[in-house]
Structures are given as structure tokens and as C-alpha cells.
Amino acid sequence: MVDLSKFIDNSLKSEFEAKPYDVAKDRAKLAARFTKAVGQFPSSTAPNKIWKLSNGVVEVKVSLGSGYLNISGATTNYVPEGQFKGFISALIEATNAGEFDGALKAVDVAPKAAPKASSSGKGKLETLTAVKRSLGRLKDKSDEGIRAHLESKGVREEWIVQAIAEKK
């Protein structure tokens, strides 16, 4: 009988069902924020600004997810007031060219990684971490006993090998 289980990984269901991330949408949102900033400038009452103006100098700090966008090696940049609109135009151009795609993918704006498979029932070992944790309850068993137990739970062969190797 052919063992097909070595090809199957049902923990990939969440990855299969996840919508693919489209960085172009986040690029458009970021470019729109920059365009809005030009329209707000130099009003001091505009809400949700990415800039502050003081003494002819503009501080630019662009929030992105739970952090800030790194622009030329810094998350806070200072631009002469007269160059602000040109700076924002350059930011829009850089955004549309994909220069901030890495940052967009890395922060909370990007979708979270597919969740790890969790045990859907008692006694199931659907993650490598769960397999390793189960070894504590099996410490008195031989390698063959551990293998038999894990195989009975439907654990993948490579996880069994890794768990037994790390037990030693």
C-alpha cells in the first residue's frame, strides 16, 4: 500500500484560503496620504498630519502600522518649508515605484502570516511545537515507543525524526 500521508499537510488549509496580499492597494493608500499632506500644508488645524511646521522647518514622520516609515534611514526627517511640496512629490513617486513595498509588507498594514495550525481536538499534534511538548509526557519511552505513539497521532515523519533527535 502506498503511503500518501508523507505528501499531505492539512495544516496548510489557512494558507490556501488566505487572500493574497496586494501591495499595490497599500501603495495607493500611502500615496493618497502624501497627496493629502500637500493639501493640508501649511494649515495648523489639519487632523492626522504626517508633518509639523516650526520655524520654517517641517518635521515629517509617517506612521505606518504600529511603527513609522523609514525614509532615507530615519523615521523622522526635517525638510526646509520651501522644499516640503517637492519632498512630498518625491515621496509619492518613490511610493508608486515600489520603494517602500518592503516596509508596507513588514508592518501591520500587511496581512498577518497565516496562523499556525492549532489542535482542533484533544490529543492532536498538528504543530511541531505541540509534538515537542508531548515529549515531556513520553520521557520514559524508548525512541521506538515515541515513534509509535507519534505515528498513531498522525504526526509527520520529519517532525518525528526531529523530535526524537532533540530529545537526546
Foldseek 3Di string as FASTA:
>chain_A
DDDPLLVDQVQCVLVVPDDDWDLVVVLVVVLVLLVVLVVCPPPPPDPPHQWHDDPQKIKGAADAAPHTQQDPNDRIDIDGNVCSNVVSVVVNVCSNVPVCSVVNCPHPVHPDDRDGDDDPDPPADNDLVSLLVCVVVVVVPDLVVSVVSCVVNSDHPVSSVVSSVVSD
